[in-house]
Amino acid sequence: MTKTTEAAVEWLIETVKVALEEGRATETELEEWLLAAILLEEMAIEEQRDDQEARTFGTWFGQASGTIH
């Protein structure tokens, strides 16, 4: 997970925790926050996958010799 996404997920978890402890959140709000955390993590995983594919393609393309038709 990227540092930005990791920080966002940690902030979101802390916000949910405080809201629960203080009784300031509705059930719907908690559900939305948890879904947001899940989506952030999924986005981070997808970003990591994209980065890996880009590196793999870059390596493959760099090793290719001649003209690609």
Protein backbone atom coordinates (compact mmCIF):
# COMPACT_ATOMS: atom_id res chain seq x y z
CA MET A 1 0.00 0.00 0.00
CA THR A 2 1.32 3.46 -0.79
CA LYS A 3 2.17 5.75 2.10
CA THR A 4 -0.60 8.19 1.16
CA THR A 5 -3.23 5.48 1.02
CA GLU A 6 -1.91 3.87 4.18
CA ALA A 7 -2.13 7.20 6.01
CA ALA A 8 -5.68 7.73 4.72
CA VAL A 9 -6.78 4.28 5.89
CA GLU A 10 -5.17 4.81 9.30
CA TRP A 11 -6.88 8.20 9.63
CA LEU A 12 -10.21 6.70 8.63
CA ILE A 13 -9.87 3.87 11.15
CA GLU A 14 -8.97 6.33 13.90
CA THR A 15 -11.94 8.53 12.98
CA VAL A 16 -14.30 5.56 13.14
CA LYS A 17 -12.80 4.46 16.45
CA VAL A 18 -13.26 7.90 18.04
CA ALA A 19 -16.78 8.23 16.64
CA LEU A 20 -17.69 4.85 18.14
CA GLU A 21 -16.15 5.68 21.50
CA GLU A 22 -17.94 9.04 21.67
CA GLY A 23 -21.22 7.75 20.22
CA ARG A 24 -21.20 10.41 17.50
CA ALA A 25 -21.77 8.19 14.49
CA THR A 26 -24.84 6.58 13.08
CA GLU A 27 -24.83 3.02 11.84
CA THR A 28 -25.04 4.30 8.26
CA GLU A 29 -22.03 6.60 8.74
CA LEU A 30 -19.96 3.77 10.19
CA GLU A 31 -20.89 1.54 7.28
CA GLU A 32 -19.92 4.25 4.78
CA TRP A 33 -16.59 4.87 6.51
CA LEU A 34 -15.73 1.19 6.58
CA LEU A 35 -16.65 0.81 2.91
CA ALA A 36 -14.44 3.81 2.13
CA ALA A 37 -11.53 2.16 3.95
CA ILE A 38 -12.06 -1.03 1.96
CA LEU A 39 -12.16 0.91 -1.31
CA LEU A 40 -8.96 2.78 -0.42
CA GLU A 41 -7.20 -0.50 0.23
CA GLU A 42 -8.50 -2.00 -3.03
CA MET A 43 -7.28 1.09 -4.90
CA ALA A 44 -3.83 0.72 -3.31
CA ILE A 45 -3.67 -2.96 -4.30
CA GLU A 46 -4.68 -2.08 -7.87
CA GLU A 47 -2.03 0.66 -7.96
CA GLN A 48 0.63 -1.81 -6.82
CA ARG A 49 -0.48 -4.26 -9.50
CA ASP A 50 -0.32 -1.53 -12.16
CA ASP A 51 3.18 -0.54 -11.03
CA GLN A 52 4.33 -4.17 -11.20
CA GLU A 53 2.87 -4.60 -14.69
CA ALA A 54 4.55 -1.39 -15.86
CA ARG A 55 7.92 -2.59 -14.53
CA THR A 56 7.44 -5.99 -16.14
CA PHE A 57 6.52 -4.42 -19.48
CA GLY A 58 9.44 -1.99 -19.23
CA THR A 59 11.85 -4.86 -18.60
CA TRP A 60 10.39 -6.94 -21.42
CA PHE A 61 10.36 -4.01 -23.84
CA GLY A 62 13.92 -3.08 -22.90
CA GLN A 63 15.10 -6.62 -23.66
CA ALA A 64 13.35 -6.79 -27.03
CA SER A 65 15.70 -6.45 -29.94
CA GLY A 66 14.84 -5.37 -33.44
CA THR A 67 11.63 -3.86 -34.63
CA ILE A 68 8.27 -4.79 -33.23
CA HIS A 69 5.59 -5.10 -35.93
